[in-house]
N, C-alpha and C. Protein backbone atom coordinates (compact mmCIF):
# COMPACT_ATOMS: atom_id res chain seq x y z
N UNK A 1 -87.76 -0.21 151.13
CA UNK A 1 -88.38 -0.48 149.23
C UNK A 1 -87.06 -1.85 148.72
N UNK A 2 -88.02 -2.57 148.12
CA UNK A 2 -87.10 -3.64 147.75
C UNK A 2 -87.08 -3.28 145.21
N UNK A 3 -86.17 -3.98 145.35
CA UNK A 3 -86.23 -3.87 143.55
C UNK A 3 -86.27 -5.02 143.40
N UNK A 4 -87.19 -5.37 141.79
CA UNK A 4 -87.20 -6.37 141.13
C UNK A 4 -85.35 -6.45 140.26
N UNK A 5 -85.17 -7.88 139.68
CA UNK A 5 -84.10 -7.16 138.99
C UNK A 5 -85.49 -7.96 138.00
N UNK A 6 -85.31 -7.52 137.03
CA UNK A 6 -85.29 -8.44 135.25
C UNK A 6 -84.35 -8.79 134.64
N UNK A 7 -84.19 -10.30 134.03
CA UNK A 7 -83.73 -10.80 132.79
C UNK A 7 -84.40 -11.14 132.22
N UNK A 8 -83.00 -10.94 130.89
CA UNK A 8 -84.31 -10.23 129.43
C UNK A 8 -83.18 -11.49 128.82
N UNK A 9 -83.57 -12.27 128.21
CA UNK A 9 -83.48 -13.87 127.51
C UNK A 9 -82.36 -13.07 126.03
N UNK A 10 -81.28 -13.12 125.70
CA UNK A 10 -80.77 -12.66 124.37
C UNK A 10 -79.90 -13.98 124.02
N UNK A 11 -80.75 -14.47 122.94
CA UNK A 11 -80.82 -15.76 122.66
C UNK A 11 -79.48 -15.35 121.32
N UNK A 12 -78.88 -13.77 120.97
CA UNK A 12 -78.26 -14.12 120.02
C UNK A 12 -78.20 -13.97 118.15
N UNK A 13 -79.43 -14.61 118.17
CA UNK A 13 -79.71 -14.85 116.67
C UNK A 13 -80.64 -13.87 115.58
N UNK A 14 -80.10 -12.72 115.35
CA UNK A 14 -80.78 -11.80 114.78
C UNK A 14 -81.28 -12.51 113.81
N UNK A 15 -81.31 -13.70 112.84
CA UNK A 15 -81.85 -14.69 111.51
C UNK A 15 -82.61 -15.02 111.81
N UNK A 16 -84.37 -16.07 110.93
CA UNK A 16 -84.73 -16.82 111.42
C UNK A 16 -83.94 -17.95 111.28
N UNK A 17 -85.00 -18.99 111.02
CA UNK A 17 -84.40 -20.09 111.44
C UNK A 17 -84.17 -20.54 109.74
N UNK A 18 -83.17 -21.45 109.33
CA UNK A 18 -83.63 -21.74 107.29
C UNK A 18 -84.67 -22.21 107.51
N UNK A 19 -86.10 -22.03 106.06
CA UNK A 19 -86.85 -22.12 106.06
C UNK A 19 -87.88 -21.44 106.35
N UNK A 20 -87.73 -21.02 107.08
CA UNK A 20 -88.63 -19.86 108.29
C UNK A 20 -88.40 -18.56 107.67
N UNK A 21 -89.59 -17.59 107.54
CA UNK A 21 -89.83 -15.98 106.95
C UNK A 21 -89.35 -15.46 108.07
N UNK A 22 -89.84 -14.07 107.57
CA UNK A 22 -88.41 -13.24 108.19
C UNK A 22 -89.81 -12.75 109.07
N UNK A 23 -89.41 -11.41 110.14
CA UNK A 23 -89.69 -10.48 110.68
C UNK A 23 -90.59 -11.80 112.42
N UNK A 24 -89.70 -12.71 112.49
CA UNK A 24 -90.41 -13.09 113.80
C UNK A 24 -89.67 -13.14 115.12
N UNK A 25 -90.35 -13.53 116.23
CA UNK A 25 -89.39 -13.08 117.05
C UNK A 25 -88.67 -14.22 118.06
N UNK A 26 -87.87 -14.41 119.09
CA UNK A 26 -86.87 -15.89 119.10
C UNK A 26 -87.21 -15.36 120.91
N UNK A 27 -87.05 -16.63 121.26
CA UNK A 27 -87.55 -16.87 122.42
C UNK A 27 -87.52 -18.60 122.80
N UNK A 28 -88.35 -18.48 123.43
CA UNK A 28 -88.46 -20.39 124.46
C UNK A 28 -89.49 -20.95 123.82
N UNK A 29 -89.49 -22.30 123.96
CA UNK A 29 -90.64 -22.68 124.08
C UNK A 29 -90.17 -24.48 125.00
N UNK A 30 -91.52 -24.97 125.71
CA UNK A 30 -90.80 -25.81 127.56
C UNK A 30 -91.72 -27.14 126.42
N UNK A 31 -91.12 -28.00 126.43
CA UNK A 31 -91.35 -29.58 125.88
C UNK A 31 -90.85 -30.39 126.93
N UNK A 32 -91.59 -31.58 126.59
CA UNK A 32 -91.48 -33.15 127.31
C UNK A 32 -89.68 -33.63 126.49
N UNK A 33 -89.07 -33.51 127.17
CA UNK A 33 -87.33 -33.70 126.81
C UNK A 33 -87.59 -34.50 127.87
N UNK A 34 -85.26 -34.81 128.19
CA UNK A 34 -84.86 -35.25 129.71
C UNK A 34 -85.04 -35.25 130.06
N UNK A 35 -85.01 -33.82 131.00
CA UNK A 35 -85.44 -33.99 132.68
C UNK A 35 -86.81 -34.41 133.11
N UNK A 36 -87.80 -33.92 131.63
CA UNK A 36 -89.17 -34.18 132.03
C UNK A 36 -89.57 -35.37 132.44
N UNK A 37 -88.91 -36.60 131.72
CA UNK A 37 -88.88 -37.85 131.81
C UNK A 37 -87.97 -38.80 132.34
N UNK A 38 -87.43 -37.97 132.95
CA UNK A 38 -86.56 -38.06 134.90
C UNK A 38 -86.88 -37.86 136.02
N UNK A 39 -87.98 -36.46 135.64
CA UNK A 39 -89.14 -36.37 136.67
C UNK A 39 -90.68 -37.66 136.88
N UNK A 40 -90.52 -37.65 134.82
CA UNK A 40 -91.29 -38.96 135.33
C UNK A 40 -90.58 -39.81 136.38
N UNK A 41 -90.19 -40.66 136.39
CA UNK A 41 -89.11 -41.84 136.47
C UNK A 41 -88.76 -41.69 137.73
N UNK A 42 -88.53 -40.82 138.78
CA UNK A 42 -89.64 -40.40 139.57
C UNK A 42 -90.14 -40.49 140.55
N UNK A 43 -91.10 -40.11 140.10
CA UNK A 43 -92.40 -39.67 140.11
C UNK A 43 -93.70 -40.85 140.61
N UNK A 44 -92.99 -42.06 139.61
CA UNK A 44 -92.98 -43.13 139.88
C UNK A 44 -92.72 -44.07 140.92
N UNK A 45 -91.50 -43.91 141.04
CA UNK A 45 -90.30 -44.46 141.54
C UNK A 45 -91.38 -43.90 143.03
N UNK A 46 -91.33 -42.65 143.06
CA UNK A 46 -91.85 -42.68 144.86
C UNK A 46 -93.75 -42.66 144.77
N UNK A 47 -94.33 -42.74 144.13
CA UNK A 47 -95.83 -42.95 143.95
C UNK A 47 -95.86 -44.37 144.11
N UNK A 48 -95.66 -45.16 143.48
CA UNK A 48 -95.94 -46.43 142.46
C UNK A 48 -96.05 -47.04 141.03
N UNK A 49 -95.38 -47.36 140.68
CA UNK A 49 -95.46 -47.78 139.05
C UNK A 49 -96.94 -47.80 138.28
N UNK A 50 -97.79 -48.19 139.11
CA UNK A 50 -99.08 -48.79 137.96
C UNK A 50 -100.09 -47.29 138.61
N UNK A 51 -99.03 -46.03 139.34
CA UNK A 51 -100.26 -45.31 139.67
C UNK A 51 -101.28 -44.09 139.07
N UNK A 52 -100.25 -44.25 138.15
CA UNK A 52 -100.34 -43.78 136.58
C UNK A 52 -99.65 -42.32 137.28
N UNK A 53 -99.41 -41.02 138.43
CA UNK A 53 -99.18 -40.15 138.68
C UNK A 53 -97.82 -39.77 138.70
N UNK A 54 -97.19 -40.81 137.68
CA UNK A 54 -95.81 -40.13 136.81
C UNK A 54 -95.84 -39.13 135.33
N UNK A 55 -97.38 -39.40 135.05
CA UNK A 55 -97.23 -39.55 134.17
C UNK A 55 -97.83 -38.04 134.24
N UNK A 56 -97.37 -37.01 135.31
CA UNK A 56 -97.95 -35.82 135.96
C UNK A 56 -97.30 -34.62 135.41
N UNK A 57 -96.01 -35.56 134.75
CA UNK A 57 -94.76 -34.62 135.29
C UNK A 57 -94.78 -33.39 133.44
N UNK A 58 -95.88 -34.87 132.95
CA UNK A 58 -95.95 -34.18 131.16
C UNK A 58 -96.88 -33.12 131.45
N UNK A 59 -97.54 -32.75 132.51
CA UNK A 59 -98.15 -31.43 132.33
C UNK A 59 -97.12 -30.91 133.05
N UNK A 60 -96.74 -30.47 133.02
CA UNK A 60 -95.34 -29.68 133.48
C UNK A 60 -93.96 -29.93 132.87
N UNK A 61 -93.55 -29.55 131.66
CA UNK A 61 -92.55 -29.85 131.10
C UNK A 61 -91.96 -29.12 131.75
N UNK A 62 -90.22 -29.45 132.18
CA UNK A 62 -89.73 -28.90 132.62
C UNK A 62 -88.20 -28.67 131.78
N UNK A 63 -88.60 -28.94 130.64
CA UNK A 63 -86.81 -28.43 129.10
C UNK A 63 -87.57 -27.46 128.61
N UNK A 64 -86.02 -27.15 128.28
CA UNK A 64 -87.10 -25.87 127.53
C UNK A 64 -86.33 -25.42 126.01
N UNK A 65 -86.42 -24.96 124.92
CA UNK A 65 -85.09 -24.67 124.22
C UNK A 65 -85.75 -23.64 123.27
N UNK A 66 -84.42 -22.91 122.74
CA UNK A 66 -84.41 -21.62 121.42
C UNK A 66 -85.66 -21.54 120.28
N UNK A 67 -87.02 -21.13 120.15
CA UNK A 67 -87.46 -21.07 119.23
C UNK A 67 -87.52 -20.02 118.80
N UNK A 68 -88.72 -19.77 116.79
CA UNK A 68 -88.50 -19.28 116.63
C UNK A 68 -90.26 -18.09 116.50
N UNK A 69 -90.49 -17.48 116.24
CA UNK A 69 -92.41 -16.94 116.46
C UNK A 69 -92.53 -16.32 115.44
N UNK A 70 -93.42 -16.53 114.31
CA UNK A 70 -93.28 -16.27 112.81
C UNK A 70 -95.00 -16.42 112.48
N UNK A 71 -96.20 -14.60 112.07
CA UNK A 71 -97.39 -15.24 111.53
C UNK A 71 -98.25 -17.20 112.54
N UNK A 72 -98.16 -16.35 114.00
CA UNK A 72 -99.05 -18.11 114.74
C UNK A 72 -98.49 -19.12 114.26
N UNK A 73 -96.79 -19.29 113.99
CA UNK A 73 -96.62 -20.33 113.61
C UNK A 73 -95.08 -20.45 114.66
N UNK A 74 -94.41 -21.43 115.28
CA UNK A 74 -92.60 -21.81 115.51
C UNK A 74 -92.61 -23.28 115.62
N UNK A 75 -91.00 -22.09 115.03
CA UNK A 75 -90.35 -22.99 114.59
C UNK A 75 -89.17 -23.32 115.43
N UNK A 76 -88.28 -24.42 115.36
CA UNK A 76 -87.90 -24.60 116.14
C UNK A 76 -86.01 -23.73 115.18
N UNK A 77 -84.78 -24.24 116.18
CA UNK A 77 -83.55 -23.06 115.46
C UNK A 77 -83.78 -23.36 113.65
N UNK A 78 -84.03 -25.61 114.01
CA UNK A 78 -83.20 -26.02 112.24
C UNK A 78 -84.39 -25.44 111.99
N UNK A 79 -85.22 -24.71 111.79
CA UNK A 79 -86.59 -24.13 110.65
C UNK A 79 -87.82 -25.73 110.33
N UNK A 80 -87.52 -26.82 111.52
CA UNK A 80 -88.72 -27.32 111.78
C UNK A 80 -90.37 -26.10 112.27
N UNK A 81 -91.32 -26.96 111.61
CA UNK A 81 -92.55 -26.62 112.95
C UNK A 81 -92.52 -27.37 113.43
N UNK A 82 -92.61 -26.60 115.07
CA UNK A 82 -92.69 -27.23 115.95
C UNK A 82 -94.47 -27.18 115.68
N UNK A 83 -95.23 -26.41 115.82
CA UNK A 83 -96.83 -25.98 116.27
C UNK A 83 -97.35 -24.78 115.49
N UNK A 84 -98.24 -24.05 116.52
CA UNK A 84 -98.77 -23.33 115.99
C UNK A 84 -98.68 -21.94 117.68
N UNK A 85 -98.05 -21.56 117.73
CA UNK A 85 -98.22 -20.66 118.81
C UNK A 85 -99.01 -20.25 120.41
N UNK A 86 -100.20 -21.48 120.27
CA UNK A 86 -101.81 -20.98 120.37
C UNK A 86 -101.49 -23.37 121.67
N UNK A 87 -100.44 -23.24 120.46
CA UNK A 87 -100.78 -25.59 121.09
C UNK A 87 -99.25 -25.53 122.00
N UNK A 88 -98.18 -24.52 122.02
CA UNK A 88 -97.36 -24.78 122.41
C UNK A 88 -96.48 -22.72 123.61
N UNK A 89 -96.08 -22.85 124.38
CA UNK A 89 -95.90 -22.29 125.24
C UNK A 89 -94.98 -21.73 125.31
N UNK A 90 -94.92 -20.54 124.33
CA UNK A 90 -93.75 -19.90 124.17
C UNK A 90 -92.74 -18.25 125.08
N UNK A 91 -92.13 -18.49 124.74
CA UNK A 91 -92.12 -17.18 126.13
C UNK A 91 -90.93 -16.72 125.64
């Protein structure tokens, strides 16, 4: 019998970000940032700059940041609205 270890991310942020309503949940969102851009460049170099394959990196973003979800809205740690819960991958 094998055991599966589950790691829950603890952000240590009990309060909502500034300007966001209370009663939400902290988690993470994926976005296209530095890691994703680097992957795009590497794919462009490997497959050819004009092939367009490098842009596929943005279909699977590699960067993550803390986010706060409340009432179907997602906020970053500074209280800026990122988008709706259905528009971003929140976990």
